[in-house]
Amino acid sequence: MMRQGRLGRSRLPHSPEISLTPLIDTALVLLVIFMVATPMMHNAVKVSLPKGHVQESPGATKEDVTVYIDKDEHVFINGTLTNPQQFVQALEQKLGGTQQRVFVNADETISYGALMKVVDAIKYLAGVEDVVLATEKA
């Protein structure tokens, strides 16, 4: 039904609209934030690598698993803190039964014994043949 305006002009009833522009703008801003933040989360564990003069290995791929040992000797698998008693089970779960390289990024201040305990668990308990110890170029 049409209504009559003041000067005899007809007006259509006002229909409310939902503007999608602010919603799309917000979604795109969130997408950009997550795209920028995701690579930063990969290197969230702060490890000061020892310097070395050794052969370079191809870098880690998405399939490879990276084990971090920080200065307090906490062990992380792909950036996730792992309980020492459940390290082998968590590593086997990440490997999924496949033979992959495992990169070990250990802080230069940890003891040799702590590093070898983790490397032995990777090689002998989890059955990984290709373990790469990461260093910085000297």
N, C-alpha and C. Protein backbone atom coordinates (compact mmCIF):
# COMPACT_ATOMS: atom_id res chain seq x y z
N MET A 1 0.85 -1.16 0.00
CA MET A 1 0.00 0.00 0.00
C MET A 1 0.90 1.24 0.00
N MET A 2 0.59 2.19 -0.82
CA MET A 2 1.40 3.39 -0.96
C MET A 2 0.86 4.49 -0.06
N ARG A 3 1.77 5.27 0.43
CA ARG A 3 1.39 6.39 1.28
C ARG A 3 1.55 7.69 0.47
N GLN A 4 0.81 8.65 0.82
CA GLN A 4 0.89 9.95 0.16
C GLN A 4 1.81 10.85 0.96
N GLY A 5 2.74 11.50 0.27
CA GLY A 5 3.62 12.45 0.90
C GLY A 5 2.94 13.79 1.05
N ARG A 6 3.68 14.82 1.48
CA ARG A 6 3.09 16.14 1.73
C ARG A 6 2.60 16.82 0.46
N LEU A 7 3.31 16.72 -0.60
CA LEU A 7 2.90 17.43 -1.80
C LEU A 7 2.22 16.50 -2.80
N GLY A 8 1.66 15.45 -2.33
CA GLY A 8 0.93 14.54 -3.19
C GLY A 8 1.80 13.50 -3.87
N ARG A 9 3.12 13.49 -3.55
CA ARG A 9 3.98 12.47 -4.14
C ARG A 9 3.81 11.17 -3.39
N SER A 10 3.89 10.08 -4.11
CA SER A 10 3.75 8.79 -3.44
C SER A 10 5.13 8.30 -3.00
N ARG A 11 5.17 7.64 -1.84
CA ARG A 11 6.41 7.07 -1.31
C ARG A 11 6.22 5.57 -1.13
N LEU A 12 7.29 4.84 -1.39
CA LEU A 12 7.26 3.41 -1.11
C LEU A 12 7.56 3.21 0.37
N PRO A 13 7.03 2.16 0.97
CA PRO A 13 7.37 1.91 2.37
C PRO A 13 8.87 1.66 2.51
N HIS A 14 9.44 2.15 3.57
CA HIS A 14 10.88 2.01 3.81
C HIS A 14 11.21 0.55 4.14
N SER A 15 12.14 -0.03 3.38
CA SER A 15 12.53 -1.41 3.67
C SER A 15 13.95 -1.40 4.24
N PRO A 16 14.14 -2.00 5.39
CA PRO A 16 15.47 -2.00 6.01
C PRO A 16 16.42 -2.92 5.24
N GLU A 17 17.68 -2.51 5.14
CA GLU A 17 18.70 -3.30 4.47
C GLU A 17 19.86 -3.53 5.42
N ILE A 18 20.48 -4.66 5.27
CA ILE A 18 21.68 -4.94 6.05
C ILE A 18 22.86 -4.70 5.12
N SER A 19 23.72 -3.79 5.50
CA SER A 19 24.88 -3.48 4.69
C SER A 19 25.98 -4.51 4.99
N LEU A 20 26.45 -5.17 3.95
CA LEU A 20 27.48 -6.19 4.12
C LEU A 20 28.90 -5.62 4.05
N THR A 21 29.03 -4.38 3.66
CA THR A 21 30.35 -3.79 3.49
C THR A 21 31.18 -3.81 4.79
N PRO A 22 30.65 -3.39 5.94
CA PRO A 22 31.48 -3.46 7.17
C PRO A 22 31.84 -4.89 7.55
N LEU A 23 30.94 -5.83 7.31
CA LEU A 23 31.22 -7.23 7.62
C LEU A 23 32.36 -7.75 6.75
N ILE A 24 32.32 -7.44 5.47
CA ILE A 24 33.37 -7.89 4.55
C ILE A 24 34.70 -7.22 4.91
N ASP A 25 34.67 -5.93 5.24
CA ASP A 25 35.89 -5.23 5.64
C ASP A 25 36.51 -5.87 6.88
N THR A 26 35.70 -6.19 7.85
CA THR A 26 36.19 -6.83 9.08
C THR A 26 36.79 -8.20 8.78
N ALA A 27 36.12 -8.97 7.95
CA ALA A 27 36.62 -10.31 7.60
C ALA A 27 37.96 -10.21 6.88
N LEU A 28 38.11 -9.27 5.98
CA LEU A 28 39.38 -9.13 5.26
C LEU A 28 40.50 -8.65 6.17
N VAL A 29 40.20 -7.76 7.10
CA VAL A 29 41.21 -7.31 8.06
C VAL A 29 41.67 -8.48 8.92
N LEU A 30 40.74 -9.30 9.40
CA LEU A 30 41.11 -10.47 10.20
C LEU A 30 41.95 -11.45 9.38
N LEU A 31 41.60 -11.64 8.12
CA LEU A 31 42.37 -12.52 7.25
C LEU A 31 43.81 -12.03 7.13
N VAL A 32 44.00 -10.75 6.91
CA VAL A 32 45.35 -10.19 6.80
C VAL A 32 46.11 -10.35 8.11
N ILE A 33 45.46 -10.11 9.24
CA ILE A 33 46.12 -10.27 10.54
C ILE A 33 46.59 -11.71 10.74
N PHE A 34 45.74 -12.67 10.42
CA PHE A 34 46.13 -14.08 10.59
C PHE A 34 47.23 -14.47 9.61
N MET A 35 47.21 -13.92 8.41
CA MET A 35 48.26 -14.23 7.44
C MET A 35 49.61 -13.70 7.91
N VAL A 36 49.62 -12.57 8.57
CA VAL A 36 50.87 -12.00 9.08
C VAL A 36 51.32 -12.71 10.35
N ALA A 37 50.38 -13.08 11.21
CA ALA A 37 50.73 -13.68 12.51
C ALA A 37 51.14 -15.14 12.41
N THR A 38 50.63 -15.88 11.43
CA THR A 38 50.91 -17.31 11.34
C THR A 38 52.40 -17.62 11.19
N PRO A 39 53.15 -16.97 10.30
CA PRO A 39 54.58 -17.28 10.22
C PRO A 39 55.34 -16.93 11.50
N MET A 40 54.87 -15.93 12.23
CA MET A 40 55.54 -15.55 13.47
C MET A 40 55.35 -16.61 14.55
N MET A 41 54.23 -17.30 14.53
CA MET A 41 53.95 -18.32 15.55
C MET A 41 54.84 -19.53 15.36
N HIS A 42 55.30 -19.78 14.14
CA HIS A 42 56.14 -20.94 13.89
C HIS A 42 57.46 -20.85 14.65
N ASN A 43 58.00 -19.67 14.79
CA ASN A 43 59.27 -19.48 15.48
C ASN A 43 59.05 -18.88 16.86
N ALA A 44 58.07 -19.36 17.57
CA ALA A 44 57.72 -18.80 18.87
C ALA A 44 58.69 -19.21 19.97
N VAL A 45 59.39 -20.34 19.81
CA VAL A 45 60.32 -20.82 20.82
C VAL A 45 61.66 -20.13 20.60
N LYS A 46 62.14 -19.44 21.61
CA LYS A 46 63.40 -18.71 21.51
C LYS A 46 64.55 -19.63 21.87
N VAL A 47 65.39 -19.91 20.88
CA VAL A 47 66.54 -20.78 21.07
C VAL A 47 67.75 -20.09 20.48
N SER A 48 68.82 -19.98 21.26
CA SER A 48 70.07 -19.41 20.78
C SER A 48 70.95 -20.57 20.32
N LEU A 49 71.03 -20.77 19.00
CA LEU A 49 71.75 -21.92 18.45
C LEU A 49 73.26 -21.73 18.58
N PRO A 50 73.99 -22.84 18.79
CA PRO A 50 75.45 -22.75 18.80
C PRO A 50 75.97 -22.50 17.38
N LYS A 51 77.18 -21.97 17.29
CA LYS A 51 77.79 -21.70 15.99
C LYS A 51 78.57 -22.94 15.55
N GLY A 52 78.64 -23.18 14.25
CA GLY A 52 79.35 -24.35 13.77
C GLY A 52 79.79 -24.21 12.33
N HIS A 53 80.78 -25.02 11.95
CA HIS A 53 81.29 -25.08 10.58
C HIS A 53 80.97 -26.47 10.04
N VAL A 54 79.76 -26.69 9.63
CA VAL A 54 79.37 -28.01 9.16
C VAL A 54 78.64 -27.88 7.84
N GLN A 55 78.39 -29.01 7.23
CA GLN A 55 77.70 -29.06 5.95
C GLN A 55 76.26 -28.57 6.11
N GLU A 56 75.82 -27.77 5.14
CA GLU A 56 74.44 -27.28 5.19
C GLU A 56 73.49 -28.37 4.75
N SER A 57 72.38 -28.43 5.42
CA SER A 57 71.32 -29.39 5.10
C SER A 57 70.16 -28.60 4.51
N PRO A 58 69.41 -29.22 3.58
CA PRO A 58 68.23 -28.51 3.09
C PRO A 58 67.32 -28.17 4.26
N GLY A 59 66.66 -27.03 4.19
CA GLY A 59 65.80 -26.58 5.28
C GLY A 59 64.63 -27.50 5.53
N ALA A 60 63.99 -27.28 6.64
CA ALA A 60 62.84 -28.09 7.04
C ALA A 60 61.66 -27.81 6.12
N THR A 61 60.95 -28.86 5.77
CA THR A 61 59.72 -28.73 5.01
C THR A 61 58.55 -28.85 5.97
N LYS A 62 57.35 -28.67 5.45
CA LYS A 62 56.17 -28.76 6.32
C LYS A 62 55.99 -30.17 6.89
N GLU A 63 56.50 -31.18 6.18
CA GLU A 63 56.35 -32.55 6.66
C GLU A 63 57.33 -32.88 7.77
N ASP A 64 58.46 -32.19 7.80
CA ASP A 64 59.48 -32.46 8.81
C ASP A 64 59.01 -31.98 10.18
N VAL A 65 59.56 -32.61 11.20
CA VAL A 65 59.23 -32.26 12.58
C VAL A 65 60.43 -31.54 13.18
N THR A 66 60.17 -30.48 13.92
CA THR A 66 61.24 -29.73 14.57
C THR A 66 61.07 -29.83 16.09
N VAL A 67 62.14 -30.26 16.76
CA VAL A 67 62.16 -30.36 18.21
C VAL A 67 63.03 -29.21 18.73
N TYR A 68 62.48 -28.43 19.63
CA TYR A 68 63.20 -27.31 20.24
C TYR A 68 63.50 -27.65 21.69
N ILE A 69 64.71 -27.28 22.13
CA ILE A 69 65.07 -27.39 23.55
C ILE A 69 65.52 -26.00 23.97
N ASP A 70 64.77 -25.36 24.86
CA ASP A 70 65.12 -23.99 25.25
C ASP A 70 66.16 -24.00 26.38
N LYS A 71 66.55 -22.80 26.81
CA LYS A 71 67.62 -22.68 27.81
C LYS A 71 67.26 -23.30 29.15
N ASP A 72 65.95 -23.46 29.43
CA ASP A 72 65.51 -24.10 30.68
C ASP A 72 65.30 -25.60 30.50
N GLU A 73 65.73 -26.13 29.35
CA GLU A 73 65.64 -27.54 28.98
C GLU A 73 64.20 -28.03 28.85
N HIS A 74 63.28 -27.11 28.50
CA HIS A 74 61.92 -27.51 28.14
C HIS A 74 61.95 -27.99 26.70
N VAL A 75 61.22 -29.06 26.40
CA VAL A 75 61.22 -29.64 25.06
C VAL A 75 59.90 -29.31 24.37
N PHE A 76 60.01 -28.84 23.12
CA PHE A 76 58.85 -28.48 22.31
C PHE A 76 58.89 -29.31 21.03
N ILE A 77 57.74 -29.74 20.56
CA ILE A 77 57.64 -30.40 19.26
C ILE A 77 56.82 -29.48 18.37
N ASN A 78 57.45 -28.99 17.30
CA ASN A 78 56.82 -28.02 16.39
C ASN A 78 56.22 -26.84 17.16
N GLY A 79 56.92 -26.39 18.19
CA GLY A 79 56.49 -25.22 18.94
C GLY A 79 55.53 -25.49 20.08
N THR A 80 55.12 -26.75 20.29
CA THR A 80 54.18 -27.10 21.36
C THR A 80 54.95 -27.73 22.51
N LEU A 81 54.80 -27.17 23.72
CA LEU A 81 55.48 -27.71 24.89
C LEU A 81 55.04 -29.15 25.13
N THR A 82 56.02 -30.02 25.39
CA THR A 82 55.75 -31.44 25.55
C THR A 82 56.21 -31.91 26.92
N ASN A 83 55.40 -32.72 27.57
CA ASN A 83 55.75 -33.33 28.84
C ASN A 83 56.89 -34.32 28.59
N PRO A 84 58.00 -34.26 29.35
CA PRO A 84 59.13 -35.17 29.11
C PRO A 84 58.75 -36.65 29.16
N GLN A 85 57.79 -37.02 30.01
CA GLN A 85 57.40 -38.43 30.10
C GLN A 85 56.62 -38.87 28.86
N GLN A 86 56.02 -37.94 28.16
CA GLN A 86 55.21 -38.29 26.99
C GLN A 86 55.85 -37.83 25.69
N PHE A 87 57.15 -37.51 25.73
CA PHE A 87 57.84 -36.98 24.55
C PHE A 87 57.82 -37.97 23.39
N VAL A 88 58.18 -39.21 23.65
CA VAL A 88 58.26 -40.21 22.57
C VAL A 88 56.89 -40.44 21.94
N GLN A 89 55.84 -40.56 22.77
CA GLN A 89 54.50 -40.78 22.23
C GLN A 89 54.05 -39.58 21.40
N ALA A 90 54.34 -38.37 21.88
CA ALA A 90 53.95 -37.17 21.13
C ALA A 90 54.71 -37.08 19.81
N LEU A 91 55.99 -37.45 19.83
CA LEU A 91 56.80 -37.42 18.60
C LEU A 91 56.29 -38.46 17.61
N GLU A 92 56.02 -39.67 18.08
CA GLU A 92 55.49 -40.70 17.19
C GLU A 92 54.15 -40.29 16.59
N GLN A 93 53.34 -39.61 17.38
CA GLN A 93 52.05 -39.13 16.87
C GLN A 93 52.26 -38.09 15.76
N LYS A 94 53.22 -37.17 15.96
CA LYS A 94 53.51 -36.16 14.93
C LYS A 94 54.07 -36.81 13.67
N LEU A 95 54.90 -37.84 13.84
CA LEU A 95 55.50 -38.51 12.69
C LEU A 95 54.46 -39.33 11.93
N GLY A 96 53.48 -39.83 12.61
CA GLY A 96 52.42 -40.59 11.96
C GLY A 96 52.89 -41.88 11.31
N GLY A 97 53.93 -42.50 11.84
CA GLY A 97 54.40 -43.77 11.31
C GLY A 97 55.26 -43.65 10.07
N THR A 98 55.56 -42.43 9.62
CA THR A 98 56.40 -42.25 8.43
C THR A 98 57.82 -41.91 8.83
N GLN A 99 58.76 -42.16 7.94
CA GLN A 99 60.15 -41.80 8.18
C GLN A 99 60.37 -40.38 7.69
N GLN A 100 60.54 -39.48 8.59
CA GLN A 100 60.78 -38.08 8.26
C GLN A 100 62.04 -37.62 8.96
N ARG A 101 62.55 -36.49 8.50
CA ARG A 101 63.67 -35.88 9.21
C ARG A 101 63.14 -35.19 10.46
N VAL A 102 63.94 -35.22 11.50
CA VAL A 102 63.62 -34.48 12.72
C VAL A 102 64.76 -33.49 12.94
N PHE A 103 64.42 -32.20 12.95
CA PHE A 103 65.40 -31.15 13.22
C PHE A 103 65.41 -30.87 14.71
N VAL A 104 66.59 -30.80 15.29
CA VAL A 104 66.72 -30.49 16.72
C VAL A 104 67.39 -29.13 16.83
N ASN A 105 66.65 -28.17 17.37
CA ASN A 105 67.17 -26.82 17.63
C ASN A 105 67.34 -26.69 19.13
N ALA A 106 68.58 -26.84 19.59
CA ALA A 106 68.85 -26.80 21.03
C ALA A 106 69.60 -25.52 21.37
N ASP A 107 69.22 -24.89 22.46
CA ASP A 107 69.90 -23.69 22.93
C ASP A 107 71.34 -24.05 23.27
N GLU A 108 72.26 -23.13 22.97
CA GLU A 108 73.68 -23.41 23.18
C GLU A 108 74.06 -23.52 24.65
N THR A 109 73.20 -23.09 25.56
CA THR A 109 73.54 -23.11 26.98
C THR A 109 73.11 -24.39 27.70
N ILE A 110 72.37 -25.28 27.02
CA ILE A 110 71.93 -26.49 27.72
C ILE A 110 73.09 -27.48 27.82
N SER A 111 72.97 -28.42 28.73
CA SER A 111 74.04 -29.40 28.93
C SER A 111 74.03 -30.42 27.79
N TYR A 112 75.21 -30.96 27.55
CA TYR A 112 75.37 -31.99 26.53
C TYR A 112 74.49 -33.20 26.86
N GLY A 113 74.39 -33.53 28.13
CA GLY A 113 73.59 -34.68 28.55
C GLY A 113 72.11 -34.50 28.23
N ALA A 114 71.60 -33.28 28.43
CA ALA A 114 70.19 -33.02 28.12
C ALA A 114 69.93 -33.16 26.62
N LEU A 115 70.86 -32.66 25.81
CA LEU A 115 70.72 -32.79 24.36
C LEU A 115 70.75 -34.25 23.93
N MET A 116 71.70 -35.01 24.47
CA MET A 116 71.83 -36.41 24.07
C MET A 116 70.64 -37.25 24.53
N LYS A 117 70.05 -36.89 25.66
CA LYS A 117 68.87 -37.61 26.13
C LYS A 117 67.73 -37.47 25.10
N VAL A 118 67.56 -36.25 24.58
CA VAL A 118 66.50 -36.01 23.59
C VAL A 118 66.85 -36.69 22.26
N VAL A 119 68.10 -36.57 21.82
CA VAL A 119 68.50 -37.19 20.55
C VAL A 119 68.37 -38.71 20.63
N ASP A 120 68.78 -39.31 21.75
CA ASP A 120 68.64 -40.76 21.92
C ASP A 120 67.17 -41.17 21.88
N ALA A 121 66.31 -40.39 22.51
CA ALA A 121 64.88 -40.71 22.48
C ALA A 121 64.34 -40.64 21.06
N ILE A 122 64.80 -39.66 20.29
CA ILE A 122 64.35 -39.53 18.90
C ILE A 122 64.83 -40.71 18.07
N LYS A 123 66.12 -41.04 18.19
CA LYS A 123 66.70 -42.08 17.34
C LYS A 123 66.29 -43.50 17.76
N TYR A 124 66.40 -43.80 19.02
CA TYR A 124 66.26 -45.18 19.44
C TYR A 124 64.86 -45.54 19.93
N LEU A 125 64.18 -44.63 20.60
CA LEU A 125 62.84 -44.94 21.08
C LEU A 125 61.78 -44.67 20.02
N ALA A 126 61.93 -43.55 19.28
CA ALA A 126 60.95 -43.22 18.24
C ALA A 126 61.34 -43.82 16.89
N GLY A 127 62.58 -44.31 16.76
CA GLY A 127 63.00 -44.99 15.54
C GLY A 127 63.28 -44.08 14.35
N VAL A 128 63.66 -42.85 14.59
CA VAL A 128 63.95 -41.92 13.50
C VAL A 128 65.41 -42.08 13.09
N GLU A 129 65.65 -42.23 11.78
CA GLU A 129 67.02 -42.41 11.30
C GLU A 129 67.70 -41.10 10.95
N ASP A 130 66.94 -40.11 10.50
CA ASP A 130 67.52 -38.86 10.01
C ASP A 130 67.27 -37.73 11.02
N VAL A 131 68.25 -37.50 11.89
CA VAL A 131 68.16 -36.44 12.90
C VAL A 131 69.17 -35.36 12.52
N VAL A 132 68.71 -34.12 12.41
CA VAL A 132 69.56 -33.00 12.01
C VAL A 132 69.70 -32.05 13.20
N LEU A 133 70.95 -31.79 13.61
CA LEU A 133 71.21 -30.83 14.69
C LEU A 133 71.46 -29.47 14.05
N ALA A 134 70.66 -28.49 14.42
CA ALA A 134 70.75 -27.16 13.81
C ALA A 134 71.80 -26.32 14.51
N THR A 135 72.57 -25.58 13.70
CA THR A 135 73.53 -24.61 14.22
C THR A 135 73.42 -23.34 13.38
N GLU A 136 74.02 -22.27 13.88
CA GLU A 136 74.12 -21.04 13.10
C GLU A 136 75.46 -21.03 12.41
N LYS A 137 75.53 -20.34 11.26
CA LYS A 137 76.81 -20.23 10.56
C LYS A 137 77.78 -19.43 11.42
N ALA A 138 79.00 -19.92 11.50
CA ALA A 138 80.02 -19.23 12.30
C ALA A 138 80.61 -18.08 11.52
